[in-house]
PDB file of all heavy atoms in Angstrom:
ATOM      1  N   ASN A   1       0.818  -1.215   0.000  1.00  0.00           N
ATOM      2  CA  ASN A   1       0.000   0.000   0.000  1.00  0.00           C
ATOM      3  C   ASN A   1       0.850   1.263   0.000  1.00  0.00           C
ATOM      4  O   ASN A   1       0.447   2.278  -0.566  1.00  0.00           O
ATOM      5  CB  ASN A   1      -0.934  -0.008   1.217  1.00  0.00           C
ATOM      6  CG  ASN A   1      -2.029  -1.064   1.078  1.00  0.00           C
ATOM      7  OD1 ASN A   1      -2.370  -1.446  -0.039  1.00  0.00           O
ATOM      8  ND2 ASN A   1      -2.546  -1.519   2.199  1.00  0.00           N
ATOM      9  N   ASP A   2       2.015   1.229   0.672  1.00  0.00           N
ATOM     10  CA  ASP A   2       2.850   2.430   0.708  1.00  0.00           C
ATOM     11  C   ASP A   2       3.292   2.831  -0.697  1.00  0.00           C
ATOM     12  O   ASP A   2       3.339   4.016  -1.036  1.00  0.00           O
ATOM     13  CB  ASP A   2       4.082   2.182   1.596  1.00  0.00           C
ATOM     14  CG  ASP A   2       3.695   2.090   3.061  1.00  0.00           C
ATOM     15  OD1 ASP A   2       2.619   2.615   3.425  1.00  0.00           O
ATOM     16  OD2 ASP A   2       4.478   1.513   3.834  1.00  0.00           O
ATOM     17  N   THR A   3       3.628   1.837  -1.513  1.00  0.00           N
ATOM     18  CA  THR A   3       4.060   2.137  -2.878  1.00  0.00           C
ATOM     19  C   THR A   3       2.909   2.715  -3.692  1.00  0.00           C
ATOM     20  O   THR A   3       3.079   3.650  -4.474  1.00  0.00           O
ATOM     21  CB  THR A   3       4.596   0.859  -3.566  1.00  0.00           C
ATOM     22  OG1 THR A   3       5.605   0.292  -2.756  1.00  0.00           O
ATOM     23  CG2 THR A   3       5.147   1.187  -4.939  1.00  0.00           C
ATOM     24  N   VAL A   4       1.684   2.163  -3.506  1.00  0.00           N
ATOM     25  CA  VAL A   4       0.522   2.671  -4.219  1.00  0.00           C
ATOM     26  C   VAL A   4       0.272   4.124  -3.863  1.00  0.00           C
ATOM     27  O   VAL A   4       0.049   4.987  -4.711  1.00  0.00           O
ATOM     28  CB  VAL A   4      -0.728   1.813  -3.899  1.00  0.00           C
ATOM     29  CG1 VAL A   4      -1.974   2.457  -4.480  1.00  0.00           C
ATOM     30  CG2 VAL A   4      -0.561   0.417  -4.438  1.00  0.00           C
ATOM     31  N   ILE A   5       0.330   4.419  -2.545  1.00  0.00           N
ATOM     32  CA  ILE A   5       0.091   5.794  -2.098  1.00  0.00           C
ATOM     33  C   ILE A   5       1.146   6.734  -2.666  1.00  0.00           C
ATOM     34  O   ILE A   5       0.857   7.862  -3.065  1.00  0.00           O
ATOM     35  CB  ILE A   5       0.072   5.845  -0.554  1.00  0.00           C
ATOM     36  CG1 ILE A   5      -1.148   5.082  -0.010  1.00  0.00           C
ATOM     37  CG2 ILE A   5       0.033   7.287  -0.060  1.00  0.00           C
ATOM     38  CD1 ILE A   5      -1.163   4.928   1.487  1.00  0.00           C
ATOM     39  N   SER A   6       2.389   6.243  -2.769  1.00  0.00           N
ATOM     40  CA  SER A   6       3.455   7.113  -3.257  1.00  0.00           C
ATOM     41  C   SER A   6       3.304   7.446  -4.726  1.00  0.00           C
ATOM     42  O   SER A   6       3.856   8.431  -5.207  1.00  0.00           O
ATOM     43  CB  SER A   6       4.821   6.456  -3.009  1.00  0.00           C
ATOM     44  OG  SER A   6       4.971   5.322  -3.853  1.00  0.00           O
ATOM     45  N   THR A   7       2.587   6.631  -5.477  1.00  0.00           N
ATOM     46  CA  THR A   7       2.407   6.920  -6.898  1.00  0.00           C
ATOM     47  C   THR A   7       1.340   7.974  -7.143  1.00  0.00           C
ATOM     48  O   THR A   7       1.343   8.641  -8.167  1.00  0.00           O
ATOM     49  CB  THR A   7       2.020   5.647  -7.681  1.00  0.00           C
ATOM     50  OG1 THR A   7       0.751   5.190  -7.219  1.00  0.00           O
ATOM     51  CG2 THR A   7       3.066   4.573  -7.523  1.00  0.00           C
ATOM     52  N   THR A   8       0.404   8.131  -6.195  1.00  0.00           N
ATOM     53  CA  THR A   8      -0.717   9.032  -6.410  1.00  0.00           C
ATOM     54  C   THR A   8      -0.302  10.484  -6.579  1.00  0.00           C
ATOM     55  O   THR A   8      -0.818  11.177  -7.454  1.00  0.00           O
ATOM     56  CB  THR A   8      -1.736   8.879  -5.264  1.00  0.00           C
ATOM     57  OG1 THR A   8      -2.103   7.516  -5.142  1.00  0.00           O
ATOM     58  CG2 THR A   8      -2.970   9.735  -5.527  1.00  0.00           C
ATOM     59  N   PRO A   9       0.634  11.052  -5.797  1.00  0.00           N
ATOM     60  CA  PRO A   9       1.013  12.452  -5.983  1.00  0.00           C
ATOM     61  C   PRO A   9       1.605  12.770  -7.350  1.00  0.00           C
ATOM     62  O   PRO A   9       1.688  13.939  -7.720  1.00  0.00           O
ATOM     63  CB  PRO A   9       2.042  12.686  -4.877  1.00  0.00           C
ATOM     64  CG  PRO A   9       1.714  11.670  -3.834  1.00  0.00           C
ATOM     65  CD  PRO A   9       1.263  10.474  -4.603  1.00  0.00           C
ATOM     66  N   ILE A  10       2.024  11.741  -8.100  1.00  0.00           N
ATOM     67  CA  ILE A  10       2.545  12.001  -9.439  1.00  0.00           C
ATOM     68  C   ILE A  10       1.508  12.726 -10.282  1.00  0.00           C
ATOM     69  O   ILE A  10       1.829  13.521 -11.151  1.00  0.00           O
ATOM     70  CB  ILE A  10       2.972  10.668 -10.119  1.00  0.00           C
ATOM     71  CG1 ILE A  10       4.166  10.073  -9.376  1.00  0.00           C
ATOM     72  CG2 ILE A  10       3.296  10.869 -11.587  1.00  0.00           C
ATOM     73  CD1 ILE A  10       4.592   8.717  -9.887  1.00  0.00           C
ATOM     74  N   LEU A  11       0.234  12.502  -9.980  1.00  0.00           N
ATOM     75  CA  LEU A  11      -0.827  13.159 -10.722  1.00  0.00           C
ATOM     76  C   LEU A  11      -0.720  14.674 -10.627  1.00  0.00           C
ATOM     77  O   LEU A  11      -1.009  15.382 -11.576  1.00  0.00           O
ATOM     78  CB  LEU A  11      -2.194  12.695 -10.208  1.00  0.00           C
ATOM     79  CG  LEU A  11      -2.519  11.210 -10.357  1.00  0.00           C
ATOM     80  CD1 LEU A  11      -3.848  10.910  -9.694  1.00  0.00           C
ATOM     81  CD2 LEU A  11      -2.560  10.824 -11.814  1.00  0.00           C
ATOM     82  N   LEU A  12      -0.319  15.187  -9.487  1.00  0.00           N
ATOM     83  CA  LEU A  12      -0.205  16.632  -9.310  1.00  0.00           C
ATOM     84  C   LEU A  12       0.875  17.208 -10.215  1.00  0.00           C
ATOM     85  O   LEU A  12       0.722  18.302 -10.765  1.00  0.00           O
ATOM     86  CB  LEU A  12       0.093  16.943  -7.843  1.00  0.00           C
ATOM     87  CG  LEU A  12      -0.973  16.476  -6.834  1.00  0.00           C
ATOM     88  CD1 LEU A  12      -0.509  16.767  -5.416  1.00  0.00           C
ATOM     89  CD2 LEU A  12      -2.302  17.156  -7.109  1.00  0.00           C
ATOM     90  N   ASP A  13       1.976  16.486 -10.374  1.00  0.00           N
ATOM     91  CA  ASP A  13       3.058  16.967 -11.229  1.00  0.00           C
ATOM     92  C   ASP A  13       2.654  16.962 -12.706  1.00  0.00           C
ATOM     93  O   ASP A  13       3.086  17.813 -13.487  1.00  0.00           O
ATOM     94  CB  ASP A  13       4.310  16.105 -11.027  1.00  0.00           C
ATOM     95  CG  ASP A  13       4.833  16.170  -9.600  1.00  0.00           C
ATOM     96  OD1 ASP A  13       4.619  17.224  -8.959  1.00  0.00           O
ATOM     97  OD2 ASP A  13       5.407  15.178  -9.130  1.00  0.00           O
ATOM     98  N   ASP A  14       1.841  15.974 -13.088  1.00  0.00           N
ATOM     99  CA  ASP A  14       1.478  15.834 -14.495  1.00  0.00           C
ATOM    100  C   ASP A  14       0.280  16.693 -14.892  1.00  0.00           C
ATOM    101  O   ASP A  14       0.061  16.954 -16.076  1.00  0.00           O
ATOM    102  CB  ASP A  14       1.128  14.373 -14.811  1.00  0.00           C
ATOM    103  CG  ASP A  14       2.319  13.452 -14.626  1.00  0.00           C
ATOM    104  OD1 ASP A  14       3.450  13.910 -14.877  1.00  0.00           O
ATOM    105  OD2 ASP A  14       2.113  12.292 -14.238  1.00  0.00           O
ATOM    106  N   ALA A  15      -0.499  17.129 -13.905  1.00  0.00           N
ATOM    107  CA  ALA A  15      -1.732  17.854 -14.217  1.00  0.00           C
ATOM    108  C   ALA A  15      -1.462  19.125 -15.008  1.00  0.00           C
ATOM    109  O   ALA A  15      -2.218  19.474 -15.921  1.00  0.00           O
ATOM    110  CB  ALA A  15      -2.488  18.178 -12.929  1.00  0.00           C
ATOM    111  N   GLY A  16      -0.357  19.842 -14.678  1.00  0.00           N
ATOM    112  CA  GLY A  16      -0.054  21.083 -15.387  1.00  0.00           C
ATOM    113  C   GLY A  16       0.167  20.856 -16.866  1.00  0.00           C
ATOM    114  O   GLY A  16      -0.363  21.594 -17.709  1.00  0.00           O
ATOM    115  N   ALA A  17       0.942  19.809 -17.217  1.00  0.00           N
ATOM    116  CA  ALA A  17       1.189  19.511 -18.629  1.00  0.00           C
ATOM    117  C   ALA A  17      -0.107  19.153 -19.343  1.00  0.00           C
ATOM    118  O   ALA A  17      -0.332  19.545 -20.497  1.00  0.00           O
ATOM    119  CB  ALA A  17       2.194  18.374 -18.755  1.00  0.00           C
ATOM    120  N   LEU A  18      -0.995  18.441 -18.659  1.00  0.00           N
ATOM    121  CA  LEU A  18      -2.264  18.071 -19.275  1.00  0.00           C
ATOM    122  C   LEU A  18      -3.156  19.282 -19.494  1.00  0.00           C
ATOM    123  O   LEU A  18      -3.791  19.423 -20.541  1.00  0.00           O
ATOM    124  CB  LEU A  18      -2.981  17.037 -18.391  1.00  0.00           C
ATOM    125  CG  LEU A  18      -2.329  15.654 -18.341  1.00  0.00           C
ATOM    126  CD1 LEU A  18      -2.895  14.838 -17.182  1.00  0.00           C
ATOM    127  CD2 LEU A  18      -2.546  14.906 -19.652  1.00  0.00           C
ATOM    128  N   LEU A  19      -3.210  20.166 -18.519  1.00  0.00           N
ATOM    129  CA  LEU A  19      -4.069  21.343 -18.642  1.00  0.00           C
ATOM    130  C   LEU A  19      -3.629  22.247 -19.786  1.00  0.00           C
ATOM    131  O   LEU A  19      -4.451  22.926 -20.396  1.00  0.00           O
ATOM    132  CB  LEU A  19      -4.077  22.123 -17.327  1.00  0.00           C
ATOM    133  CG  LEU A  19      -4.811  21.441 -16.163  1.00  0.00           C
ATOM    134  CD1 LEU A  19      -4.613  22.231 -14.884  1.00  0.00           C
ATOM    135  CD2 LEU A  19      -6.299  21.291 -16.478  1.00  0.00           C
ATOM    136  N   ARG A  20      -2.340  22.246 -20.074  1.00  0.00           N
ATOM    137  CA  ARG A  20      -1.849  23.101 -21.162  1.00  0.00           C
ATOM    138  C   ARG A  20      -2.277  22.602 -22.539  1.00  0.00           C
ATOM    139  O   ARG A  20      -2.107  23.304 -23.533  1.00  0.00           O
ATOM    140  CB  ARG A  20      -0.324  23.212 -21.085  1.00  0.00           C
ATOM    141  CG  ARG A  20       0.171  24.100 -19.950  1.00  0.00           C
ATOM    142  CD  ARG A  20       1.657  24.397 -20.074  1.00  0.00           C
ATOM    143  NE  ARG A  20       2.486  23.218 -19.898  1.00  0.00           N
ATOM    144  CZ  ARG A  20       2.928  22.776 -18.700  1.00  0.00           C
ATOM    145  NH1 ARG A  20       2.595  23.448 -17.596  1.00  0.00           N
ATOM    146  NH2 ARG A  20       3.682  21.712 -18.617  1.00  0.00           N
ATOM    147  N   THR A  21      -2.801  21.384 -22.621  1.00  0.00           N
ATOM    148  CA  THR A  21      -3.231  20.823 -23.914  1.00  0.00           C
ATOM    149  C   THR A  21      -4.759  20.783 -24.048  1.00  0.00           C
ATOM    150  O   THR A  21      -5.277  20.119 -24.943  1.00  0.00           O
ATOM    151  CB  THR A  21      -2.671  19.399 -24.102  1.00  0.00           C
ATOM    152  OG1 THR A  21      -3.199  18.541 -23.074  1.00  0.00           O
ATOM    153  CG2 THR A  21      -1.163  19.387 -24.036  1.00  0.00           C
ATOM    154  N   LEU A  22      -5.496  21.489 -23.203  1.00  0.00           N
ATOM    155  CA  LEU A  22      -6.957  21.439 -23.241  1.00  0.00           C
ATOM    156  C   LEU A  22      -7.523  21.907 -24.577  1.00  0.00           C
ATOM    157  O   LEU A  22      -8.601  21.476 -24.995  1.00  0.00           O
ATOM    158  CB  LEU A  22      -7.545  22.289 -22.114  1.00  0.00           C
ATOM    159  CG  LEU A  22      -7.522  21.669 -20.705  1.00  0.00           C
ATOM    160  CD1 LEU A  22      -8.060  22.661 -19.694  1.00  0.00           C
ATOM    161  CD2 LEU A  22      -8.333  20.375 -20.663  1.00  0.00           C
ATOM    162  N   ASP A  23      -6.815  22.826 -25.251  1.00  0.00           N
ATOM    163  CA  ASP A  23      -7.313  23.333 -26.530  1.00  0.00           C
ATOM    164  C   ASP A  23      -7.085  22.359 -27.680  1.00  0.00           C
ATOM    165  O   ASP A  23      -7.550  22.596 -28.795  1.00  0.00           O
ATOM    166  CB  ASP A  23      -6.641  24.667 -26.864  1.00  0.00           C
ATOM    167  CG  ASP A  23      -7.096  25.784 -25.929  1.00  0.00           C
ATOM    168  OD1 ASP A  23      -8.269  25.744 -25.512  1.00  0.00           O
ATOM    169  OD2 ASP A  23      -6.285  26.661 -25.611  1.00  0.00           O
ATOM    170  N   ASP A  24      -6.355  21.286 -27.434  1.00  0.00           N
ATOM    171  CA  ASP A  24      -6.065  20.295 -28.467  1.00  0.00           C
ATOM    172  C   ASP A  24      -6.396  18.916 -27.899  1.00  0.00           C
ATOM    173  O   ASP A  24      -5.532  18.214 -27.397  1.00  0.00           O
ATOM    174  CB  ASP A  24      -4.593  20.371 -28.880  1.00  0.00           C
ATOM    175  CG  ASP A  24      -4.267  19.489 -30.075  1.00  0.00           C
ATOM    176  OD1 ASP A  24      -5.141  18.687 -30.467  1.00  0.00           O
ATOM    177  OD2 ASP A  24      -3.150  19.605 -30.610  1.00  0.00           O
ATOM    178  N   PRO A  25      -7.682  18.503 -27.960  1.00  0.00           N
ATOM    179  CA  PRO A  25      -8.092  17.244 -27.330  1.00  0.00           C
ATOM    180  C   PRO A  25      -7.299  16.026 -27.800  1.00  0.00           C
ATOM    181  O   PRO A  25      -7.031  15.126 -26.995  1.00  0.00           O
ATOM    182  CB  PRO A  25      -9.570  17.124 -27.715  1.00  0.00           C
ATOM    183  CG  PRO A  25     -10.017  18.526 -27.934  1.00  0.00           C
ATOM    184  CD  PRO A  25      -8.838  19.229 -28.520  1.00  0.00           C
ATOM    185  N   ALA A  26      -6.925  15.974 -29.092  1.00  0.00           N
ATOM    186  CA  ALA A  26      -6.168  14.819 -29.588  1.00  0.00           C
ATOM    187  C   ALA A  26      -4.847  14.674 -28.824  1.00  0.00           C
ATOM    188  O   ALA A  26      -4.478  13.579 -28.383  1.00  0.00           O
ATOM    189  CB  ALA A  26      -5.913  14.969 -31.082  1.00  0.00           C
ATOM    190  N   ARG A  27      -4.125  15.782 -28.650  1.00  0.00           N
ATOM    191  CA  ARG A  27      -2.871  15.753 -27.887  1.00  0.00           C
ATOM    192  C   ARG A  27      -3.136  15.471 -26.416  1.00  0.00           C
ATOM    193  O   ARG A  27      -2.364  14.775 -25.751  1.00  0.00           O
ATOM    194  CB  ARG A  27      -2.139  17.089 -28.028  1.00  0.00           C
ATOM    195  CG  ARG A  27      -1.454  17.298 -29.365  1.00  0.00           C
ATOM    196  CD  ARG A  27      -0.679  18.595 -29.361  1.00  0.00           C
ATOM    197  NE  ARG A  27       0.306  18.618 -28.281  1.00  0.00           N
ATOM    198  CZ  ARG A  27       0.724  19.723 -27.669  1.00  0.00           C
ATOM    199  NH1 ARG A  27       0.222  20.904 -28.007  1.00  0.00           N
ATOM    200  NH2 ARG A  27       1.623  19.652 -26.708  1.00  0.00           N
ATOM    201  N   LEU A  28      -4.223  16.020 -25.892  1.00  0.00           N
ATOM    202  CA  LEU A  28      -4.562  15.830 -24.484  1.00  0.00           C
ATOM    203  C   LEU A  28      -4.704  14.357 -24.144  1.00  0.00           C
ATOM    204  O   LEU A  28      -4.104  13.859 -23.184  1.00  0.00           O
ATOM    205  CB  LEU A  28      -5.862  16.575 -24.178  1.00  0.00           C
ATOM    206  CG  LEU A  28      -6.500  16.312 -22.800  1.00  0.00           C
ATOM    207  CD1 LEU A  28      -5.605  16.830 -21.689  1.00  0.00           C
ATOM    208  CD2 LEU A  28      -7.891  16.949 -22.720  1.00  0.00           C
ATOM    209  N   TRP A  29      -5.504  13.639 -24.959  1.00  0.00           N
ATOM    210  CA  TRP A  29      -5.751  12.231 -24.626  1.00  0.00           C
ATOM    211  C   TRP A  29      -4.506  11.380 -24.847  1.00  0.00           C
ATOM    212  O   TRP A  29      -4.266  10.433 -24.089  1.00  0.00           O
ATOM    213  CB  TRP A  29      -6.923  11.714 -25.450  1.00  0.00           C
ATOM    214  CG  TRP A  29      -8.179  12.501 -25.293  1.00  0.00           C
ATOM    215  CD1 TRP A  29      -9.016  12.937 -26.286  1.00  0.00           C
ATOM    216  CD2 TRP A  29      -8.765  12.972 -24.068  1.00  0.00           C
ATOM    217  NE1 TRP A  29     -10.065  13.643 -25.763  1.00  0.00           N
ATOM    218  CE2 TRP A  29      -9.944  13.680 -24.405  1.00  0.00           C
ATOM    219  CE3 TRP A  29      -8.404  12.872 -22.728  1.00  0.00           C
ATOM    220  CZ2 TRP A  29     -10.752  14.275 -23.447  1.00  0.00           C
ATOM    221  CZ3 TRP A  29      -9.220  13.466 -21.764  1.00  0.00           C
ATOM    222  CH2 TRP A  29     -10.371  14.158 -22.121  1.00  0.00           C
ATOM    223  N   LEU A  30      -3.719  11.685 -25.863  1.00  0.00           N
ATOM    224  CA  LEU A  30      -2.476  10.936 -26.072  1.00  0.00           C
ATOM    225  C   LEU A  30      -1.522  11.130 -24.900  1.00  0.00           C
ATOM    226  O   LEU A  30      -0.893  10.176 -24.425  1.00  0.00           O
ATOM    227  CB  LEU A  30      -1.809  11.367 -27.379  1.00  0.00           C
ATOM    228  CG  LEU A  30      -2.469  10.888 -28.676  1.00  0.00           C
ATOM    229  CD1 LEU A  30      -1.778  11.514 -29.877  1.00  0.00           C
ATOM    230  CD2 LEU A  30      -2.426   9.370 -28.775  1.00  0.00           C
ATOM    231  N   LEU A  31      -1.391  12.364 -24.434  1.00  0.00           N
ATOM    232  CA  LEU A  31      -0.512  12.632 -23.300  1.00  0.00           C
ATOM    233  C   LEU A  31      -1.021  11.929 -22.048  1.00  0.00           C
ATOM    234  O   LEU A  31      -0.234  11.359 -21.280  1.00  0.00           O
ATOM    235  CB  LEU A  31      -0.422  14.144 -23.069  1.00  0.00           C
ATOM    236  CG  LEU A  31       0.421  14.604 -21.872  1.00  0.00           C
ATOM    237  CD1 LEU A  31       1.849  14.077 -21.982  1.00  0.00           C
ATOM    238  CD2 LEU A  31       0.399  16.125 -21.753  1.00  0.00           C
ATOM    239  N   LEU A  32      -2.335  11.959 -21.834  1.00  0.00           N
ATOM    240  CA  LEU A  32      -2.900  11.286 -20.674  1.00  0.00           C
ATOM    241  C   LEU A  32      -2.551   9.801 -20.663  1.00  0.00           C
ATOM    242  O   LEU A  32      -2.105   9.246 -19.646  1.00  0.00           O
ATOM    243  CB  LEU A  32      -4.419  11.480 -20.657  1.00  0.00           C
ATOM    244  CG  LEU A  32      -5.171  10.722 -19.557  1.00  0.00           C
ATOM    245  CD1 LEU A  32      -4.835  11.297 -18.185  1.00  0.00           C
ATOM    246  CD2 LEU A  32      -6.675  10.759 -19.800  1.00  0.00           C
ATOM    247  N   LEU A  33      -2.744   9.136 -21.800  1.00  0.00           N
ATOM    248  CA  LEU A  33      -2.459   7.701 -21.858  1.00  0.00           C
ATOM    249  C   LEU A  33      -0.965   7.421 -21.788  1.00  0.00           C
ATOM    250  O   LEU A  33      -0.549   6.393 -21.240  1.00  0.00           O
ATOM    251  CB  LEU A  33      -3.067   7.098 -23.125  1.00  0.00           C
ATOM    252  CG  LEU A  33      -4.606   7.111 -23.217  1.00  0.00           C
ATOM    253  CD1 LEU A  33      -5.076   6.219 -24.358  1.00  0.00           C
ATOM    254  CD2 LEU A  33      -5.243   6.652 -21.911  1.00  0.00           C
ATOM    255  N   ASP A  34      -0.140   8.308 -22.357  1.00  0.00           N
ATOM    256  CA  ASP A  34       1.312   8.144 -22.224  1.00  0.00           C
ATOM    257  C   ASP A  34       1.718   8.144 -20.752  1.00  0.00           C
ATOM    258  O   ASP A  34       2.532   7.321 -20.304  1.00  0.00           O
ATOM    259  CB  ASP A  34       2.040   9.269 -22.962  1.00  0.00           C
ATOM    260  CG  ASP A  34       2.102   9.039 -24.460  1.00  0.00           C
ATOM    261  OD1 ASP A  34       1.899   7.890 -24.883  1.00  0.00           O
ATOM    262  OD2 ASP A  34       2.348  10.005 -25.206  1.00  0.00           O
ATOM    263  N   LEU A  35       1.169   9.077 -20.006  1.00  0.00           N
ATOM    264  CA  LEU A  35       1.496   9.162 -18.581  1.00  0.00           C
ATOM    265  C   LEU A  35       0.978   7.945 -17.819  1.00  0.00           C
ATOM    266  O   LEU A  35       1.660   7.412 -16.944  1.00  0.00           O
ATOM    267  CB  LEU A  35       0.913  10.448 -17.996  1.00  0.00           C
ATOM    268  CG  LEU A  35       1.538  11.756 -18.504  1.00  0.00           C
ATOM    269  CD1 LEU A  35       0.711  12.950 -18.039  1.00  0.00           C
ATOM    270  CD2 LEU A  35       2.979  11.877 -18.028  1.00  0.00           C
ATOM    271  N   MET A  36      -0.227   7.509 -18.168  1.00  0.00           N
ATOM    272  CA  MET A  36      -0.783   6.326 -17.509  1.00  0.00           C
ATOM    273  C   MET A  36       0.061   5.087 -17.786  1.00  0.00           C
ATOM    274  O   MET A  36       0.346   4.299 -16.881  1.00  0.00           O
ATOM    275  CB  MET A  36      -2.219   6.103 -17.981  1.00  0.00           C
ATOM    276  CG  MET A  36      -3.217   7.096 -17.435  1.00  0.00           C
ATOM    277  SD  MET A  36      -4.887   6.791 -18.063  1.00  0.00           S
ATOM    278  CE  MET A  36      -5.115   5.090 -17.608  1.00  0.00           C
ATOM    279  N   ALA A  37       0.459   4.916 -19.054  1.00  0.00           N
ATOM    280  CA  ALA A  37       1.280   3.757 -19.408  1.00  0.00           C
ATOM    281  C   ALA A  37       2.632   3.799 -18.709  1.00  0.00           C
ATOM    282  O   ALA A  37       3.224   2.754 -18.417  1.00  0.00           O
ATOM    283  CB  ALA A  37       1.470   3.706 -20.920  1.00  0.00           C
ATOM    284  N   ARG A  38       3.117   5.019 -18.406  1.00  0.00           N
ATOM    285  CA  ARG A  38       4.403   5.163 -17.724  1.00  0.00           C
ATOM    286  C   ARG A  38       4.293   4.830 -16.239  1.00  0.00           C
ATOM    287  O   ARG A  38       5.209   4.267 -15.651  1.00  0.00           O
ATOM    288  CB  ARG A  38       4.908   6.585 -17.908  1.00  0.00           C
ATOM    289  CG  ARG A  38       6.319   6.836 -17.385  1.00  0.00           C
ATOM    290  CD  ARG A  38       6.676   8.307 -17.493  1.00  0.00           C
ATOM    291  NE  ARG A  38       6.405   8.825 -18.842  1.00  0.00           N
ATOM    292  CZ  ARG A  38       6.356  10.124 -19.125  1.00  0.00           C
ATOM    293  NH1 ARG A  38       6.543  11.028 -18.159  1.00  0.00           N
ATOM    294  NH2 ARG A  38       6.124  10.522 -20.363  1.00  0.00           N
TER     295      ARG A  38
END
């Protein structure tokens, strides 16, 4: 569980990059899945 909890804050670091692509949904979803796969 400690490892799972430690992965959750990564979302905060990635949220800024995702928000910057809101005007381009195609790039937004690709970036989202890239981060998830990582």
